[in-house]
């Protein structure tokens, strides 16, 4: 299964200056829970934004048209999304379990390319519009997707915005 995972504001904002526009600890926990033990595919800028490089306990794949195959420590590199998806089909073994699940984790151009291939969208929908954003999730045809999961969360001491975890599956 190919899933896109993203935290998205009301105006589709996802980033500013190569960083997430919102810091939501529960979103990070959900991201870790869903992606651990699976393959993650990302663009070069997304990889470079990771504070400690390749994410542990996941098969990290970076898409870069210009980088060499070994340019990203702890990650494989492919020149196109199609090549990355083809490589990812072999799966990832974690704790003696083989997973063929793939998560697309950004950025905007990779999301746009991946939308036609995606079986599922795993959204953290933030009920807010950020003051500053320079990166946006692409528009998608909502008619093609069915909501299969929703979990609402109010503001609290660790979360300055109301948000929801929403899973959509392609119809």
C-alpha atoms as a PDB file:
ATOM      1  CA  UNK A   1       0.000   0.000   0.000  1.00  0.00           C
ATOM      2  CA  UNK A   2       1.224   3.470  -0.858  1.00  0.00           C
ATOM      3  CA  UNK A   3       0.246   6.106   1.692  1.00  0.00           C
ATOM      4  CA  UNK A   4       0.872   9.829   1.762  1.00  0.00           C
ATOM      5  CA  UNK A   5       1.377  11.156   5.283  1.00  0.00           C
ATOM      6  CA  UNK A   6       1.217  14.904   5.890  1.00  0.00           C
ATOM      7  CA  UNK A   7       0.296  17.580   8.429  1.00  0.00           C
ATOM      8  CA  UNK A   8      -1.799  20.126   6.559  1.00  0.00           C
ATOM      9  CA  UNK A   9      -3.353  23.473   7.499  1.00  0.00           C
ATOM     10  CA  UNK A  10      -6.738  24.780   6.345  1.00  0.00           C
ATOM     11  CA  UNK A  11      -5.052  26.532   3.387  1.00  0.00           C
ATOM     12  CA  UNK A  12      -3.010  23.391   2.491  1.00  0.00           C
ATOM     13  CA  UNK A  13       0.151  24.884   4.038  1.00  0.00           C
ATOM     14  CA  UNK A  14       2.708  22.280   5.074  1.00  0.00           C
ATOM     15  CA  UNK A  15       5.978  24.156   5.491  1.00  0.00           C
ATOM     16  CA  UNK A  16       7.949  27.347   5.851  1.00  0.00           C
ATOM     17  CA  UNK A  17      11.683  27.700   5.169  1.00  0.00           C
ATOM     18  CA  UNK A  18      12.086  23.895   4.949  1.00  0.00           C
ATOM     19  CA  UNK A  19      10.450  23.292   8.342  1.00  0.00           C
ATOM     20  CA  UNK A  20       6.989  22.150   9.398  1.00  0.00           C
ATOM     21  CA  UNK A  21       4.614  25.055  10.031  1.00  0.00           C
ATOM     22  CA  UNK A  22       3.221  23.424  13.192  1.00  0.00           C
ATOM     23  CA  UNK A  23       4.881  21.489  16.001  1.00  0.00           C
ATOM     24  CA  UNK A  24       2.346  18.952  17.262  1.00  0.00           C
ATOM     25  CA  UNK A  25       3.830  16.242  19.512  1.00  0.00           C
ATOM     26  CA  UNK A  26       0.877  13.906  18.894  1.00  0.00           C
ATOM     27  CA  UNK A  27       1.343  14.282  15.130  1.00  0.00           C
ATOM     28  CA  UNK A  28       4.983  13.281  15.503  1.00  0.00           C
ATOM     29  CA  UNK A  29       3.950  10.237  17.586  1.00  0.00           C
ATOM     30  CA  UNK A  30       1.405   9.221  14.955  1.00  0.00           C
ATOM     31  CA  UNK A  31       3.991   9.683  12.199  1.00  0.00           C
ATOM     32  CA  UNK A  32       6.466   7.487  14.067  1.00  0.00           C
ATOM     33  CA  UNK A  33       3.831   4.856  14.828  1.00  0.00           C
ATOM     34  CA  UNK A  34       2.654   4.603  11.242  1.00  0.00           C
ATOM     35  CA  UNK A  35       6.021   4.720   9.488  1.00  0.00           C
ATOM     36  CA  UNK A  36       8.223   2.621  11.800  1.00  0.00           C
ATOM     37  CA  UNK A  37       8.987  -0.731  10.197  1.00  0.00           C
ATOM     38  CA  UNK A  38       8.072   0.512   6.730  1.00  0.00           C
ATOM     39  CA  UNK A  39       9.630   2.274   3.744  1.00  0.00           C
ATOM     40  CA  UNK A  40       9.543   6.065   3.621  1.00  0.00           C
ATOM     41  CA  UNK A  41      10.135   8.044   0.432  1.00  0.00           C
ATOM     42  CA  UNK A  42      11.018  11.730   0.442  1.00  0.00           C
ATOM     43  CA  UNK A  43      12.600  14.459  -1.590  1.00  0.00           C
ATOM     44  CA  UNK A  44      16.101  15.792  -0.997  1.00  0.00           C
ATOM     45  CA  UNK A  45      14.979  18.905   0.896  1.00  0.00           C
ATOM     46  CA  UNK A  46      12.813  16.840   3.216  1.00  0.00           C
ATOM     47  CA  UNK A  47      15.758  14.559   3.980  1.00  0.00           C
ATOM     48  CA  UNK A  48      17.981  17.581   4.613  1.00  0.00           C
ATOM     49  CA  UNK A  49      15.378  18.982   7.027  1.00  0.00           C
ATOM     50  CA  UNK A  50      15.548  15.906   9.271  1.00  0.00           C
ATOM     51  CA  UNK A  51      17.512  16.960  12.364  1.00  0.00           C
ATOM     52  CA  UNK A  52      19.414  13.668  12.724  1.00  0.00           C
ATOM     53  CA  UNK A  53      19.404  12.448   9.130  1.00  0.00           C
ATOM     54  CA  UNK A  54      17.847   9.131   8.146  1.00  0.00           C
ATOM     55  CA  UNK A  55      14.967   8.083  10.378  1.00  0.00           C
ATOM     56  CA  UNK A  56      15.700   4.914  12.360  1.00  0.00           C
ATOM     57  CA  UNK A  57      13.817   1.639  11.968  1.00  0.00           C
ATOM     58  CA  UNK A  58      12.581   2.545   8.501  1.00  0.00           C
ATOM     59  CA  UNK A  59      13.892   2.087   4.989  1.00  0.00           C
ATOM     60  CA  UNK A  60      14.744   5.636   3.920  1.00  0.00           C
ATOM     61  CA  UNK A  61      14.591   6.459   0.209  1.00  0.00           C
ATOM     62  CA  UNK A  62      15.453   9.901  -1.158  1.00  0.00           C
ATOM     63  CA  UNK A  63      14.520  11.179  -4.609  1.00  0.00           C
ATOM     64  CA  UNK A  64      17.146  13.384  -6.239  1.00  0.00           C
ATOM     65  CA  UNK A  65      17.825  13.855  -9.933  1.00  0.00           C
ATOM     66  CA  UNK A  66      21.397  15.022  -9.331  1.00  0.00           C
ATOM     67  CA  UNK A  67      22.726  13.207  -6.248  1.00  0.00           C
ATOM     68  CA  UNK A  68      24.749  10.010  -6.359  1.00  0.00           C
ATOM     69  CA  UNK A  69      23.217   6.782  -5.055  1.00  0.00           C
ATOM     70  CA  UNK A  70      25.182   6.997  -1.781  1.00  0.00           C
ATOM     71  CA  UNK A  71      24.811  10.762  -1.232  1.00  0.00           C
ATOM     72  CA  UNK A  72      22.519  10.477   1.813  1.00  0.00           C
ATOM     73  CA  UNK A  73      23.855   8.617   4.853  1.00  0.00           C
ATOM     74  CA  UNK A  74      21.491   5.841   5.872  1.00  0.00           C
ATOM     75  CA  UNK A  75      19.290   6.270   2.819  1.00  0.00           C
ATOM     76  CA  UNK A  76      19.034   4.981  -0.715  1.00  0.00           C
ATOM     77  CA  UNK A  77      18.762   7.477  -3.541  1.00  0.00           C
ATOM     78  CA  UNK A  78      16.858   7.221  -6.817  1.00  0.00           C
ATOM     79  CA  UNK A  79      16.436   9.807  -9.586  1.00  0.00           C
ATOM     80  CA  UNK A  80      12.634   9.587  -9.911  1.00  0.00           C
ATOM     81  CA  UNK A  81       9.589   8.705  -7.861  1.00  0.00           C
ATOM     82  CA  UNK A  82       8.867   5.816 -10.220  1.00  0.00           C
ATOM     83  CA  UNK A  83      12.358   4.352  -9.648  1.00  0.00           C
ATOM     84  CA  UNK A  84      11.976   4.810  -5.887  1.00  0.00           C
ATOM     85  CA  UNK A  85       8.584   3.065  -5.885  1.00  0.00           C
ATOM     86  CA  UNK A  86       9.965   0.209  -7.975  1.00  0.00           C
ATOM     87  CA  UNK A  87      12.849  -0.263  -5.515  1.00  0.00           C
ATOM     88  CA  UNK A  88      10.479  -0.028  -2.541  1.00  0.00           C
ATOM     89  CA  UNK A  89       8.369  -2.938  -3.812  1.00  0.00           C
ATOM     90  CA  UNK A  90      10.947  -5.346  -2.389  1.00  0.00           C
ATOM     91  CA  UNK A  91       9.867  -4.204   1.076  1.00  0.00           C
ATOM     92  CA  UNK A  92      11.624  -3.667   4.369  1.00  0.00           C
ATOM     93  CA  UNK A  93      12.267  -6.189   7.119  1.00  0.00           C
ATOM     94  CA  UNK A  94      11.993  -4.896  10.673  1.00  0.00           C
ATOM     95  CA  UNK A  95      11.868  -7.150  13.745  1.00  0.00           C
ATOM     96  CA  UNK A  96      11.720 -10.173  11.416  1.00  0.00           C
ATOM     97  CA  UNK A  97       8.573  -8.819   9.738  1.00  0.00           C
ATOM     98  CA  UNK A  98       8.551  -7.948   6.030  1.00  0.00           C
ATOM     99  CA  UNK A  99       6.528  -4.862   5.157  1.00  0.00           C
ATOM    100  CA  UNK A 100       5.745  -3.674   1.662  1.00  0.00           C
ATOM    101  CA  UNK A 101       3.919  -0.573   2.944  1.00  0.00           C
ATOM    102  CA  UNK A 102       5.309   2.685   1.572  1.00  0.00           C
ATOM    103  CA  UNK A 103       4.841   6.144   3.078  1.00  0.00           C
ATOM    104  CA  UNK A 104       5.458   9.286   1.050  1.00  0.00           C
ATOM    105  CA  UNK A 105       6.614  11.924   3.564  1.00  0.00           C
ATOM    106  CA  UNK A 106       7.265  15.039   1.439  1.00  0.00           C
ATOM    107  CA  UNK A 107       7.904  17.556   0.160  1.00  0.00           C
ATOM    108  CA  UNK A 108       5.335  19.293  -1.953  1.00  0.00           C
ATOM    109  CA  UNK A 109       6.653  18.236  -5.375  1.00  0.00           C
ATOM    110  CA  UNK A 110       6.972  14.607  -4.261  1.00  0.00           C
ATOM    111  CA  UNK A 111       3.434  14.712  -2.871  1.00  0.00           C
ATOM    112  CA  UNK A 112       2.162  16.075  -6.194  1.00  0.00           C
ATOM    113  CA  UNK A 113       3.935  13.317  -8.137  1.00  0.00           C
ATOM    114  CA  UNK A 114       2.763  10.632  -5.686  1.00  0.00           C
ATOM    115  CA  UNK A 115      -0.937  11.518  -5.550  1.00  0.00           C
ATOM    116  CA  UNK A 116      -1.862   9.394  -8.612  1.00  0.00           C
ATOM    117  CA  UNK A 117      -0.116   6.358  -7.057  1.00  0.00           C
ATOM    118  CA  UNK A 118      -1.463   6.736  -3.513  1.00  0.00           C
ATOM    119  CA  UNK A 119      -3.957   4.304  -2.020  1.00  0.00           C
ATOM    120  CA  UNK A 120      -4.361   6.260   1.227  1.00  0.00           C
ATOM    121  CA  UNK A 121      -3.913   9.755   2.649  1.00  0.00           C
ATOM    122  CA  UNK A 122      -2.951   9.957   6.332  1.00  0.00           C
ATOM    123  CA  UNK A 123      -3.652  13.564   7.236  1.00  0.00           C
ATOM    124  CA  UNK A 124      -3.127  15.563  10.354  1.00  0.00           C
ATOM    125  CA  UNK A 125      -5.547  18.370   9.599  1.00  0.00           C
ATOM    126  CA  UNK A 126      -4.824  21.534  11.590  1.00  0.00           C
ATOM    127  CA  UNK A 127      -7.791  23.849  12.079  1.00  0.00           C
ATOM    128  CA  UNK A 128      -5.707  26.954  11.508  1.00  0.00           C
ATOM    129  CA  UNK A 129      -3.995  28.988   8.809  1.00  0.00           C
ATOM    130  CA  UNK A 130      -0.343  29.818   9.528  1.00  0.00           C
ATOM    131  CA  UNK A 131       0.886  33.409   9.391  1.00  0.00           C
ATOM    132  CA  UNK A 132       3.742  32.315   7.129  1.00  0.00           C
ATOM    133  CA  UNK A 133       4.026  29.405   4.728  1.00  0.00           C
ATOM    134  CA  UNK A 134       5.905  28.842   1.495  1.00  0.00           C
ATOM    135  CA  UNK A 135       5.140  25.170   0.850  1.00  0.00           C
ATOM    136  CA  UNK A 136       1.686  23.752   0.190  1.00  0.00           C
ATOM    137  CA  UNK A 137       0.141  20.340  -0.298  1.00  0.00           C
ATOM    138  CA  UNK A 138      -1.252  20.012  -3.829  1.00  0.00           C
ATOM    139  CA  UNK A 139      -4.979  20.155  -4.501  1.00  0.00           C
ATOM    140  CA  UNK A 140      -6.599  16.759  -4.755  1.00  0.00           C
ATOM    141  CA  UNK A 141      -9.983  15.604  -6.001  1.00  0.00           C
ATOM    142  CA  UNK A 142     -11.945  14.898  -2.829  1.00  0.00           C
ATOM    143  CA  UNK A 143     -14.499  12.913  -4.861  1.00  0.00           C
ATOM    144  CA  UNK A 144     -11.859  10.195  -5.354  1.00  0.00           C
ATOM    145  CA  UNK A 145     -11.400   9.601  -1.616  1.00  0.00           C
ATOM    146  CA  UNK A 146     -13.496   8.126   1.193  1.00  0.00           C
ATOM    147  CA  UNK A 147     -12.906   8.979   4.838  1.00  0.00           C
ATOM    148  CA  UNK A 148     -12.141   5.797   6.793  1.00  0.00           C
ATOM    149  CA  UNK A 149     -10.893   7.241  10.085  1.00  0.00           C
ATOM    150  CA  UNK A 150     -11.204  10.505  12.015  1.00  0.00           C
ATOM    151  CA  UNK A 151      -9.993  11.414  15.487  1.00  0.00           C
ATOM    152  CA  UNK A 152     -10.558  15.001  16.687  1.00  0.00           C
ATOM    153  CA  UNK A 153      -8.259  16.735  19.176  1.00  0.00           C
ATOM    154  CA  UNK A 154      -8.753  20.026  20.992  1.00  0.00           C
ATOM    155  CA  UNK A 155      -6.034  22.457  21.999  1.00  0.00           C
ATOM    156  CA  UNK A 156      -4.138  21.469  25.138  1.00  0.00           C
ATOM    157  CA  UNK A 157      -0.967  22.298  27.029  1.00  0.00           C
ATOM    158  CA  UNK A 158       1.201  20.743  24.278  1.00  0.00           C
ATOM    159  CA  UNK A 159      -0.877  21.688  21.231  1.00  0.00           C
ATOM    160  CA  UNK A 160      -1.706  25.301  20.371  1.00  0.00           C
ATOM    161  CA  UNK A 161      -4.137  24.353  17.592  1.00  0.00           C
ATOM    162  CA  UNK A 162      -7.167  22.119  17.292  1.00  0.00           C
ATOM    163  CA  UNK A 163      -6.421  19.240  14.882  1.00  0.00           C
ATOM    164  CA  UNK A 164      -7.730  15.930  13.582  1.00  0.00           C
ATOM    165  CA  UNK A 165      -6.155  12.715  12.387  1.00  0.00           C
ATOM    166  CA  UNK A 166      -7.977  11.787   9.187  1.00  0.00           C
ATOM    167  CA  UNK A 167      -7.371   8.770   6.946  1.00  0.00           C
ATOM    168  CA  UNK A 168      -8.772   8.759   3.418  1.00  0.00           C
ATOM    169  CA  UNK A 169      -8.756   5.736   1.127  1.00  0.00           C
ATOM    170  CA  UNK A 170      -9.034   5.946  -2.636  1.00  0.00           C
ATOM    171  CA  UNK A 171     -12.503   4.914  -3.797  1.00  0.00           C
END
